[in-house]
PDB file of N, CA and C in Angstrom:
ATOM      1  N   MET A   1       8.318   7.639   1.964  1.00  0.00           N
ATOM      2  CA  MET A   1       6.390   7.651   1.850  1.00  0.00           C
ATOM      3  C   MET A   1       6.212   8.158   0.793  1.00  0.00           C
ATOM      4  N   ARG A   2       4.787   7.331  -0.016  1.00  0.00           N
ATOM      5  CA  ARG A   2       4.847   6.862  -1.148  1.00  0.00           C
ATOM      6  C   ARG A   2       3.182   7.750  -1.292  1.00  0.00           C
ATOM      7  N   LEU A   3       3.183   9.096  -0.224  1.00  0.00           N
ATOM      8  CA  LEU A   3       2.305  10.202  -0.386  1.00  0.00           C
ATOM      9  C   LEU A   3       1.557  10.953  -1.479  1.00  0.00           C
ATOM     10  N   ARG A   4       3.218  11.391  -1.892  1.00  0.00           N
ATOM     11  CA  ARG A   4       3.316  11.946  -3.421  1.00  0.00           C
ATOM     12  C   ARG A   4       2.251  11.380  -4.408  1.00  0.00           C
ATOM     13  N   GLU A   5       3.323  10.209  -4.243  1.00  0.00           N
ATOM     14  CA  GLU A   5       2.305   9.407  -5.691  1.00  0.00           C
ATOM     15  C   GLU A   5       1.502   8.996  -5.642  1.00  0.00           C
ATOM     16  N   LEU A   6       0.815   8.816  -4.158  1.00  0.00           N
ATOM     17  CA  LEU A   6      -1.046   8.392  -3.970  1.00  0.00           C
ATOM     18  C   LEU A   6      -1.708   9.723  -4.330  1.00  0.00           C
ATOM     19  N   ARG A   7      -1.234  11.335  -3.900  1.00  0.00           N
ATOM     20  CA  ARG A   7      -2.072  12.070  -4.348  1.00  0.00           C
ATOM     21  C   ARG A   7      -2.086  12.415  -5.122  1.00  0.00           C
ATOM     22  N   GLU A   8      -0.951  12.040  -6.084  1.00  0.00           N
ATOM     23  CA  GLU A   8      -1.011  12.651  -7.612  1.00  0.00           C
ATOM     24  C   GLU A   8      -2.097  12.081  -8.640  1.00  0.00           C
ATOM     25  N   ALA A   9      -2.035  10.103  -7.928  1.00  0.00           N
ATOM     26  CA  ALA A   9      -2.758   9.474  -8.875  1.00  0.00           C
ATOM     27  C   ALA A   9      -4.474   9.748  -8.337  1.00  0.00           C
ATOM     28  N   ARG A  10      -5.522  10.448  -7.900  1.00  0.00           N
ATOM     29  CA  ARG A  10      -5.674  10.903  -7.123  1.00  0.00           C
ATOM     30  C   ARG A  10      -6.424  12.522  -7.743  1.00  0.00           C
ATOM     31  N   ASN A  11      -5.543  12.971  -8.599  1.00  0.00           N
ATOM     32  CA  ASN A  11      -5.363  14.518  -9.022  1.00  0.00           C
ATOM     33  C   ASN A  11      -5.520  15.050  -7.527  1.00  0.00           C
ATOM     34  N   GLU A  12      -5.286  15.180  -6.725  1.00  0.00           N
ATOM     35  CA  GLU A  12      -5.690  15.977  -5.505  1.00  0.00           C
ATOM     36  C   GLU A  12      -3.483  16.482  -4.902  1.00  0.00           C
ATOM     37  N   ASN A  13      -4.202  18.629  -5.269  1.00  0.00           N
ATOM     38  CA  ASN A  13      -2.918  19.055  -4.805  1.00  0.00           C
ATOM     39  C   ASN A  13      -2.331  19.063  -3.813  1.00  0.00           C
ATOM     40  N   GLN A  14      -1.439  19.023  -3.081  1.00  0.00           N
ATOM     41  CA  GLN A  14      -1.279  19.710  -1.842  1.00  0.00           C
ATOM     42  C   GLN A  14      -2.434  20.358  -0.601  1.00  0.00           C
ATOM     43  N   GLN A  15      -2.745  21.522  -1.846  1.00  0.00           N
ATOM     44  CA  GLN A  15      -3.822  22.795  -1.158  1.00  0.00           C
ATOM     45  C   GLN A  15      -5.144  22.037  -0.384  1.00  0.00           C
ATOM     46  N   LYS A  16      -5.354  21.176  -2.043  1.00  0.00           N
ATOM     47  CA  LYS A  16      -6.964  20.026  -1.485  1.00  0.00           C
ATOM     48  C   LYS A  16      -6.445  19.029   0.261  1.00  0.00           C
ATOM     49  N   LEU A  17      -5.391  18.442   0.269  1.00  0.00           N
ATOM     50  CA  LEU A  17      -4.882  16.797   0.893  1.00  0.00           C
ATOM     51  C   LEU A  17      -5.223  18.134   1.924  1.00  0.00           C
ATOM     52  N   ALA A  18      -4.302  19.188   2.587  1.00  0.00           N
ATOM     53  CA  ALA A  18      -4.150  19.826   3.164  1.00  0.00           C
ATOM     54  C   ALA A  18      -5.052  20.237   4.051  1.00  0.00           C
ATOM     55  N   ILE A  19      -6.272  21.023   3.444  1.00  0.00           N
ATOM     56  CA  ILE A  19      -8.031  20.708   4.121  1.00  0.00           C
ATOM     57  C   ILE A  19      -8.425  19.943   4.156  1.00  0.00           C
ATOM     58  N   LEU A  20      -8.202  18.386   3.572  1.00  0.00           N
ATOM     59  CA  LEU A  20      -9.136  17.716   4.457  1.00  0.00           C
ATOM     60  C   LEU A  20      -8.560  17.285   6.153  1.00  0.00           C
ATOM     61  N   LEU A  21      -6.919  17.383   5.062  1.00  0.00           N
ATOM     62  CA  LEU A  21      -6.261  16.843   7.275  1.00  0.00           C
ATOM     63  C   LEU A  21      -6.730  17.761   8.231  1.00  0.00           C
ATOM     64  N   ASN A  22      -6.771  18.703   7.391  1.00  0.00           N
ATOM     65  CA  ASN A  22      -6.428  20.106   8.514  1.00  0.00           C
ATOM     66  C   ASN A  22      -5.259  20.583   9.497  1.00  0.00           C
ATOM     67  N   VAL A  23      -4.289  20.344   8.480  1.00  0.00           N
ATOM     68  CA  VAL A  23      -2.632  20.595   8.653  1.00  0.00           C
ATOM     69  C   VAL A  23      -2.585  21.330   7.465  1.00  0.00           C
ATOM     70  N   SER A  24      -1.611  21.845   7.245  1.00  0.00           N
ATOM     71  CA  SER A  24      -1.145  22.783   6.315  1.00  0.00           C
ATOM     72  C   SER A  24      -0.211  22.848   5.220  1.00  0.00           C
ATOM     73  N   GLN A  25      -0.305  23.085   3.905  1.00  0.00           N
ATOM     74  CA  GLN A  25      -0.254  22.815   2.839  1.00  0.00           C
ATOM     75  C   GLN A  25       2.096  22.854   2.766  1.00  0.00           C
ATOM     76  N   THR A  26       2.574  23.290   3.857  1.00  0.00           N
ATOM     77  CA  THR A  26       3.567  23.110   4.219  1.00  0.00           C
ATOM     78  C   THR A  26       4.043  22.152   4.550  1.00  0.00           C
ATOM     79  N   MET A  27       3.064  21.639   5.745  1.00  0.00           N
ATOM     80  CA  MET A  27       2.904  20.364   6.799  1.00  0.00           C
ATOM     81  C   MET A  27       3.096  18.629   5.614  1.00  0.00           C
ATOM     82  N   ILE A  28       2.284  18.416   4.125  1.00  0.00           N
ATOM     83  CA  ILE A  28       1.578  18.121   3.411  1.00  0.00           C
ATOM     84  C   ILE A  28       3.595  17.611   2.194  1.00  0.00           C
ATOM     85  N   SER A  29       3.649  19.239   2.703  1.00  0.00           N
ATOM     86  CA  SER A  29       5.049  18.968   1.123  1.00  0.00           C
ATOM     87  C   SER A  29       6.206  18.435   1.976  1.00  0.00           C
ATOM     88  N   ARG A  30       6.340  18.893   3.505  1.00  0.00           N
ATOM     89  CA  ARG A  30       7.370  18.411   4.215  1.00  0.00           C
ATOM     90  C   ARG A  30       7.102  16.774   5.123  1.00  0.00           C
ATOM     91  N   TYR A  31       6.241  16.065   4.872  1.00  0.00           N
ATOM     92  CA  TYR A  31       5.980  14.881   4.480  1.00  0.00           C
ATOM     93  C   TYR A  31       6.112  14.054   3.049  1.00  0.00           C
ATOM     94  N   GLU A  32       6.232  14.403   2.126  1.00  0.00           N
ATOM     95  CA  GLU A  32       6.328  13.907   1.023  1.00  0.00           C
ATOM     96  C   GLU A  32       8.201  13.903   0.580  1.00  0.00           C
ATOM     97  N   LEU A  33       8.552  15.077   1.082  1.00  0.00           N
ATOM     98  CA  LEU A  33       9.924  15.489   1.051  1.00  0.00           C
ATOM     99  C   LEU A  33      10.852  14.550   2.088  1.00  0.00           C
ATOM    100  N   GLY A  34       9.632  14.118   2.851  1.00  0.00           N
ATOM    101  CA  GLY A  34      10.435  13.176   4.109  1.00  0.00           C
ATOM    102  C   GLY A  34      10.953  14.447   5.346  1.00  0.00           C
ATOM    103  N   GLN A  35      10.797  15.370   4.995  1.00  0.00           N
ATOM    104  CA  GLN A  35      11.555  15.972   5.949  1.00  0.00           C
ATOM    105  C   GLN A  35      10.411  16.090   7.852  1.00  0.00           C
ATOM    106  N   ALA A  36       9.464  15.542   7.650  1.00  0.00           N
ATOM    107  CA  ALA A  36       8.736  15.319   8.883  1.00  0.00           C
ATOM    108  C   ALA A  36       7.885  13.840   8.519  1.00  0.00           C
ATOM    109  N   THR A  37       7.324  13.252   9.731  1.00  0.00           N
ATOM    110  CA  THR A  37       6.507  11.609   9.569  1.00  0.00           C
ATOM    111  C   THR A  37       5.622  11.757  10.777  1.00  0.00           C
ATOM    112  N   PRO A  38       4.539  11.908  10.063  1.00  0.00           N
ATOM    113  CA  PRO A  38       3.670  11.893  10.158  1.00  0.00           C
ATOM    114  C   PRO A  38       3.001  10.648  11.084  1.00  0.00           C
ATOM    115  N   ASP A  39       2.396  11.431  12.761  1.00  0.00           N
ATOM    116  CA  ASP A  39       1.796  10.353  13.786  1.00  0.00           C
ATOM    117  C   ASP A  39       1.568   9.404  13.427  1.00  0.00           C
ATOM    118  N   VAL A  40       0.905   8.547  14.364  1.00  0.00           N
ATOM    119  CA  VAL A  40       0.066   7.567  13.548  1.00  0.00           C
ATOM    120  C   VAL A  40      -1.262   8.017  13.457  1.00  0.00           C
ATOM    121  N   PRO A  41      -1.628   8.780  14.406  1.00  0.00           N
ATOM    122  CA  PRO A  41      -3.578   8.746  13.664  1.00  0.00           C
ATOM    123  C   PRO A  41      -3.351   9.564  12.531  1.00  0.00           C
ATOM    124  N   MET A  42      -2.929  10.072  11.714  1.00  0.00           N
ATOM    125  CA  MET A  42      -2.276  10.745  10.266  1.00  0.00           C
ATOM    126  C   MET A  42      -1.746   9.281   9.511  1.00  0.00           C
ATOM    127  N   LEU A  43      -1.309   8.517   9.919  1.00  0.00           N
ATOM    128  CA  LEU A  43      -1.067   7.476   9.242  1.00  0.00           C
ATOM    129  C   LEU A  43      -2.135   7.130   8.841  1.00  0.00           C
ATOM    130  N   ILE A  44      -3.195   6.845  10.511  1.00  0.00           N
ATOM    131  CA  ILE A  44      -4.327   5.731  10.431  1.00  0.00           C
ATOM    132  C   ILE A  44      -4.982   6.809   8.773  1.00  0.00           C
ATOM    133  N   THR A  45      -5.853   7.784   9.464  1.00  0.00           N
ATOM    134  CA  THR A  45      -6.306   9.061   8.519  1.00  0.00           C
ATOM    135  C   THR A  45      -5.328   9.145   6.784  1.00  0.00           C
ATOM    136  N   LEU A  46      -4.296   8.972   6.456  1.00  0.00           N
ATOM    137  CA  LEU A  46      -4.284   8.872   5.700  1.00  0.00           C
ATOM    138  C   LEU A  46      -4.227   7.192   4.553  1.00  0.00           C
ATOM    139  N   SER A  47      -4.019   5.993   4.808  1.00  0.00           N
ATOM    140  CA  SER A  47      -4.352   5.067   5.136  1.00  0.00           C
ATOM    141  C   SER A  47      -5.964   4.747   4.144  1.00  0.00           C
ATOM    142  N   LYS A  48      -6.832   5.139   5.246  1.00  0.00           N
ATOM    143  CA  LYS A  48      -8.293   5.205   4.385  1.00  0.00           C
ATOM    144  C   LYS A  48      -9.041   5.897   3.821  1.00  0.00           C
ATOM    145  N   HIS A  49      -8.052   7.291   3.566  1.00  0.00           N
ATOM    146  CA  HIS A  49      -7.538   8.281   2.621  1.00  0.00           C
ATOM    147  C   HIS A  49      -7.579   7.551   1.298  1.00  0.00           C
ATOM    148  N   TYR A  50      -6.530   6.959   0.866  1.00  0.00           N
ATOM    149  CA  TYR A  50      -6.687   6.520   0.110  1.00  0.00           C
ATOM    150  C   TYR A  50      -6.618   4.843  -0.019  1.00  0.00           C
ATOM    151  N   ASN A  51      -7.130   4.319   1.012  1.00  0.00           N
ATOM    152  CA  ASN A  51      -6.918   2.977   0.929  1.00  0.00           C
ATOM    153  C   ASN A  51      -6.205   1.688   0.101  1.00  0.00           C
ATOM    154  N   VAL A  52      -5.282   2.967   1.419  1.00  0.00           N
ATOM    155  CA  VAL A  52      -3.730   1.326   1.698  1.00  0.00           C
ATOM    156  C   VAL A  52      -3.097   1.653   3.316  1.00  0.00           C
ATOM    157  N   SER A  53      -2.713   0.373   3.239  1.00  0.00           N
ATOM    158  CA  SER A  53      -2.667   0.281   4.472  1.00  0.00           C
ATOM    159  C   SER A  53      -0.566   0.956   4.536  1.00  0.00           C
ATOM    160  N   ILE A  54      -1.458   1.133   6.107  1.00  0.00           N
ATOM    161  CA  ILE A  54       0.335   2.064   6.720  1.00  0.00           C
ATOM    162  C   ILE A  54       1.730   1.538   5.610  1.00  0.00           C
ATOM    163  N   ASP A  55       1.451  -0.331   6.002  1.00  0.00           N
ATOM    164  CA  ASP A  55       3.022  -1.007   5.840  1.00  0.00           C
ATOM    165  C   ASP A  55       2.734   0.604   3.595  1.00  0.00           C
ATOM    166  N   TYR A  56       1.823   0.405   3.475  1.00  0.00           N
ATOM    167  CA  TYR A  56       2.273   0.539   1.964  1.00  0.00           C
ATOM    168  C   TYR A  56       2.504   2.132   1.599  1.00  0.00           C
ATOM    169  N   LEU A  57       1.834   2.575   2.553  1.00  0.00           N
ATOM    170  CA  LEU A  57       2.103   4.215   3.228  1.00  0.00           C
ATOM    171  C   LEU A  57       4.192   4.693   2.851  1.00  0.00           C
ATOM    172  N   LEU A  58       3.832   3.873   3.747  1.00  0.00           N
ATOM    173  CA  LEU A  58       5.820   4.178   3.886  1.00  0.00           C
ATOM    174  C   LEU A  58       6.707   2.989   3.543  1.00  0.00           C
ATOM    175  N   GLU A  59       6.334   2.838   2.394  1.00  0.00           N
ATOM    176  CA  GLU A  59       6.998   1.765   1.579  1.00  0.00           C
ATOM    177  C   GLU A  59       8.073   0.496   2.552  1.00  0.00           C
ATOM    178  N   ASN A  60       7.295   0.093   3.489  1.00  0.00           N
ATOM    179  CA  ASN A  60       7.339  -1.275   3.706  1.00  0.00           C
ATOM    180  C   ASN A  60       6.838  -2.305   3.269  1.00  0.00           C
ATOM    181  N   THR A  61       6.054  -1.986   2.001  1.00  0.00           N
ATOM    182  CA  THR A  61       5.992  -3.390   1.013  1.00  0.00           C
ATOM    183  C   THR A  61       4.875  -2.738   0.297  1.00  0.00           C
ATOM    184  N   ASP A  62       5.028  -3.210  -1.314  1.00  0.00           N
ATOM    185  CA  ASP A  62       4.259  -3.067  -2.711  1.00  0.00           C
ATOM    186  C   ASP A  62       2.724  -3.982  -2.675  1.00  0.00           C
ATOM    187  N   VAL A  63       2.695  -4.715  -1.353  1.00  0.00           N
ATOM    188  CA  VAL A  63       1.173  -4.800  -1.350  1.00  0.00           C
ATOM    189  C   VAL A  63       0.461  -3.705  -1.162  1.00  0.00           C
ATOM    190  N   LYS A  64      -0.834  -2.922  -1.515  1.00  0.00           N
ATOM    191  CA  LYS A  64      -1.519  -1.539  -1.258  1.00  0.00           C
ATOM    192  C   LYS A  64      -2.478  -2.191  -0.377  1.00  0.00           C
ATOM    193  N   SER A  65      -2.966  -3.404  -0.599  1.00  0.00           N
ATOM    194  CA  SER A  65      -3.679  -3.542   0.792  1.00  0.00           C
ATOM    195  C   SER A  65      -3.781  -4.639   1.129  1.00  0.00           C
ATOM    196  N   PRO A  66      -3.410  -4.750   2.148  1.00  0.00           N
ATOM    197  CA  PRO A  66      -3.329  -6.501   3.224  1.00  0.00           C
ATOM    198  C   PRO A  66      -4.408  -7.094   2.895  1.00  0.00           C
ATOM    199  N   PHE A  67      -4.286  -8.428   2.932  1.00  0.00           N
ATOM    200  CA  PHE A  67      -5.536  -9.305   2.256  1.00  0.00           C
ATOM    201  C   PHE A  67      -6.454  -9.315   4.257  1.00  0.00           C
ATOM    202  N   ILE A  68      -7.595  -9.824   4.134  1.00  0.00           N
ATOM    203  CA  ILE A  68      -8.508 -10.088   5.281  1.00  0.00           C
ATOM    204  C   ILE A  68      -8.389 -11.549   5.465  1.00  0.00           C
ATOM    205  N   SER A  69      -7.409 -11.582   6.229  1.00  0.00           N
ATOM    206  CA  SER A  69      -7.568 -14.049   6.233  1.00  0.00           C
ATOM    207  C   SER A  69      -8.670 -14.286   6.665  1.00  0.00           C
ATOM    208  N   SER A  70     -10.109 -13.272   6.553  1.00  0.00           N
ATOM    209  CA  SER A  70     -11.279 -14.309   7.475  1.00  0.00           C
ATOM    210  C   SER A  70     -12.231 -13.993   5.770  1.00  0.00           C
ATOM    211  N   ASP A  71     -11.376 -13.413   4.572  1.00  0.00           N
ATOM    212  CA  ASP A  71     -11.779 -14.006   2.839  1.00  0.00           C
ATOM    213  C   ASP A  71     -11.294 -14.903   2.247  1.00  0.00           C
ATOM    214  N   LEU A  72     -10.365 -15.407   3.039  1.00  0.00           N
ATOM    215  CA  LEU A  72      -9.810 -17.076   2.097  1.00  0.00           C
ATOM    216  C   LEU A  72      -9.885 -18.159   2.730  1.00  0.00           C
ATOM    217  N   SER A  73     -10.822 -19.230   2.147  1.00  0.00           N
ATOM    218  CA  SER A  73     -10.436 -20.409   2.448  1.00  0.00           C
ATOM    219  C   SER A  73      -9.024 -20.560   3.044  1.00  0.00           C
ATOM    220  N   GLU A  74      -9.102 -21.366   4.525  1.00  0.00           N
ATOM    221  CA  GLU A  74      -7.978 -22.176   4.404  1.00  0.00           C
ATOM    222  C   GLU A  74      -7.055 -22.878   4.087  1.00  0.00           C
ATOM    223  N   ALA A  75      -7.324 -23.424   3.048  1.00  0.00           N
ATOM    224  CA  ALA A  75      -6.096 -23.615   1.678  1.00  0.00           C
ATOM    225  C   ALA A  75      -5.717 -22.550   1.285  1.00  0.00           C
ATOM    226  N   GLU A  76      -6.673 -21.538   0.942  1.00  0.00           N
ATOM    227  CA  GLU A  76      -5.793 -20.564   0.624  1.00  0.00           C
ATOM    228  C   GLU A  76      -4.855 -19.344   0.752  1.00  0.00           C
ATOM    229  N   THR A  77      -5.561 -19.982   2.747  1.00  0.00           N
ATOM    230  CA  THR A  77      -4.679 -19.222   4.167  1.00  0.00           C
ATOM    231  C   THR A  77      -3.125 -19.507   3.425  1.00  0.00           C
ATOM    232  N   GLU A  78      -3.377 -21.407   3.762  1.00  0.00           N
ATOM    233  CA  GLU A  78      -1.891 -21.778   3.462  1.00  0.00           C
ATOM    234  C   GLU A  78      -0.781 -21.696   2.122  1.00  0.00           C
ATOM    235  N   MET A  79      -1.615 -21.144   0.837  1.00  0.00           N
ATOM    236  CA  MET A  79      -1.182 -21.554  -0.254  1.00  0.00           C
ATOM    237  C   MET A  79      -0.264 -20.114  -0.072  1.00  0.00           C
ATOM    238  N   LEU A  80      -1.057 -18.775  -0.056  1.00  0.00           N
ATOM    239  CA  LEU A  80      -0.193 -17.595  -0.098  1.00  0.00           C
ATOM    240  C   LEU A  80       1.035 -17.744   1.279  1.00  0.00           C
ATOM    241  N   SER A  81       0.702 -18.409   3.051  1.00  0.00           N
ATOM    242  CA  SER A  81       1.863 -19.273   2.775  1.00  0.00           C
ATOM    243  C   SER A  81       2.778 -19.371   3.065  1.00  0.00           C
ATOM    244  N   MET A  82       2.987 -20.173   1.911  1.00  0.00           N
ATOM    245  CA  MET A  82       3.833 -20.841   1.379  1.00  0.00           C
ATOM    246  C   MET A  82       4.263 -20.266   0.917  1.00  0.00           C
ATOM    247  N   TYR A  83       3.617 -19.207  -0.375  1.00  0.00           N
ATOM    248  CA  TYR A  83       3.527 -18.567  -1.606  1.00  0.00           C
ATOM    249  C   TYR A  83       4.948 -17.561  -1.077  1.00  0.00           C
ATOM    250  N   ARG A  84       4.576 -16.850   0.332  1.00  0.00           N
ATOM    251  CA  ARG A  84       5.655 -16.090   0.862  1.00  0.00           C
ATOM    252  C   ARG A  84       6.688 -16.231   1.629  1.00  0.00           C
ATOM    253  N   ARG A  85       7.221 -17.718   1.504  1.00  0.00           N
ATOM    254  CA  ARG A  85       8.290 -18.083   2.700  1.00  0.00           C
ATOM    255  C   ARG A  85       9.193 -18.581   0.780  1.00  0.00           C
ATOM    256  N   LEU A  86       9.407 -18.487  -0.646  1.00  0.00           N
ATOM    257  CA  LEU A  86       9.689 -18.802  -1.473  1.00  0.00           C
ATOM    258  C   LEU A  86      10.422 -17.243  -2.183  1.00  0.00           C
ATOM    259  N   THR A  87      11.597 -17.569  -2.435  1.00  0.00           N
ATOM    260  CA  THR A  87      12.506 -16.773  -2.883  1.00  0.00           C
ATOM    261  C   THR A  87      11.992 -15.656  -4.282  1.00  0.00           C
ATOM    262  N   THR A  88      12.456 -15.025  -4.423  1.00  0.00           N
ATOM    263  CA  THR A  88      11.822 -14.101  -5.239  1.00  0.00           C
ATOM    264  C   THR A  88      11.162 -14.483  -6.921  1.00  0.00           C
ATOM    265  N   VAL A  89      12.414 -15.580  -6.817  1.00  0.00           N
ATOM    266  CA  VAL A  89      12.860 -15.915  -8.008  1.00  0.00           C
ATOM    267  C   VAL A  89      11.292 -17.040  -8.639  1.00  0.00           C
ATOM    268  N   GLN A  90      11.516 -18.205  -7.276  1.00  0.00           N
ATOM    269  CA  GLN A  90      10.534 -19.073  -7.027  1.00  0.00           C
ATOM    270  C   GLN A  90       9.027 -17.876  -7.726  1.00  0.00           C
ATOM    271  N   GLN A  91       8.902 -17.258  -6.238  1.00  0.00           N
ATOM    272  CA  GLN A  91       7.608 -16.850  -6.958  1.00  0.00           C
ATOM    273  C   GLN A  91       7.145 -16.230  -7.971  1.00  0.00           C
ATOM    274  N   GLU A  92       8.547 -15.202  -9.268  1.00  0.00           N
ATOM    275  CA  GLU A  92       7.798 -15.134  -9.908  1.00  0.00           C
ATOM    276  C   GLU A  92       7.754 -16.450 -11.325  1.00  0.00           C
ATOM    277  N   LYS A  93       8.127 -17.852 -10.942  1.00  0.00           N
ATOM    278  CA  LYS A  93       8.096 -19.376 -11.707  1.00  0.00           C
ATOM    279  C   LYS A  93       5.919 -19.034 -10.801  1.00  0.00           C
ATOM    280  N   VAL A  94       6.359 -19.605  -9.685  1.00  0.00           N
ATOM    281  CA  VAL A  94       4.533 -19.308  -9.955  1.00  0.00           C
ATOM    282  C   VAL A  94       3.897 -18.911 -10.428  1.00  0.00           C
ATOM    283  N   THR A  95       3.961 -17.175 -10.406  1.00  0.00           N
ATOM    284  CA  THR A  95       3.454 -16.134 -11.155  1.00  0.00           C
ATOM    285  C   THR A  95       3.095 -16.640 -12.459  1.00  0.00           C
ATOM    286  N   ALA A  96       4.349 -17.087 -13.366  1.00  0.00           N
ATOM    287  CA  ALA A  96       4.513 -17.258 -14.779  1.00  0.00           C
ATOM    288  C   ALA A  96       3.456 -19.127 -14.867  1.00  0.00           C
ATOM    289  N   TYR A  97       3.855 -19.435 -13.470  1.00  0.00           N
ATOM    290  CA  TYR A  97       3.443 -20.496 -14.596  1.00  0.00           C
ATOM    291  C   TYR A  97       1.260 -20.095 -13.957  1.00  0.00           C
ATOM    292  N   ILE A  98       0.840 -19.675 -12.671  1.00  0.00           N
ATOM    293  CA  ILE A  98      -0.292 -19.751 -13.333  1.00  0.00           C
ATOM    294  C   ILE A  98      -0.732 -18.852 -14.151  1.00  0.00           C
ATOM    295  N   GLN A  99       0.038 -17.443 -14.658  1.00  0.00           N
ATOM    296  CA  GLN A  99      -0.838 -17.208 -15.887  1.00  0.00           C
ATOM    297  C   GLN A  99      -0.475 -18.041 -16.881  1.00  0.00           C
ATOM    298  N   GLY A 100       0.347 -19.283 -16.830  1.00  0.00           N
ATOM    299  CA  GLY A 100      -0.331 -19.930 -18.213  1.00  0.00           C
ATOM    300  C   GLY A 100      -0.936 -20.792 -17.595  1.00  0.00           C
ATOM    301  N   LEU A 101      -1.647 -21.179 -16.642  1.00  0.00           N
ATOM    302  CA  LEU A 101      -2.841 -21.823 -16.619  1.00  0.00           C
ATOM    303  C   LEU A 101      -3.693 -21.268 -16.744  1.00  0.00           C
ATOM    304  N   LEU A 102      -4.177 -19.718 -16.588  1.00  0.00           N
ATOM    305  CA  LEU A 102      -5.299 -19.097 -17.226  1.00  0.00           C
ATOM    306  C   LEU A 102      -5.985 -19.153 -18.035  1.00  0.00           C
ATOM    307  N   GLN A 103      -4.678 -19.227 -19.322  1.00  0.00           N
ATOM    308  CA  GLN A 103      -4.498 -18.692 -20.244  1.00  0.00           C
ATOM    309  C   GLN A 103      -4.827 -19.648 -21.205  1.00  0.00           C
ATOM    310  N   GLU A 104      -4.905 -21.426 -20.670  1.00  0.00           N
ATOM    311  CA  GLU A 104      -5.073 -22.570 -21.336  1.00  0.00           C
ATOM    312  C   GLU A 104      -7.101 -22.574 -21.219  1.00  0.00           C
TER     313      GLU A 104
END
């Protein structure tokens, strides 16, 4: 879980986070060490506090916040769908191409 990384990025110590979440500092430490897993309500609270998705918090993705499809046009949604079907190497090529276009 990325809890420690997120907490430290905000300059929060375990005690401060524990008080905010109404749990013990020991429990925060256990979460960070992988000795305990937060329940769903706690995951929701943590994801809201750090403004990240639960998947990001649990290291299932490197995307901090999922996009909201309603914010995208139909064409943008289709482009994203196609991009996600590419291999990692193909995605890197697309990214490099777009960066090149933006530098023109």
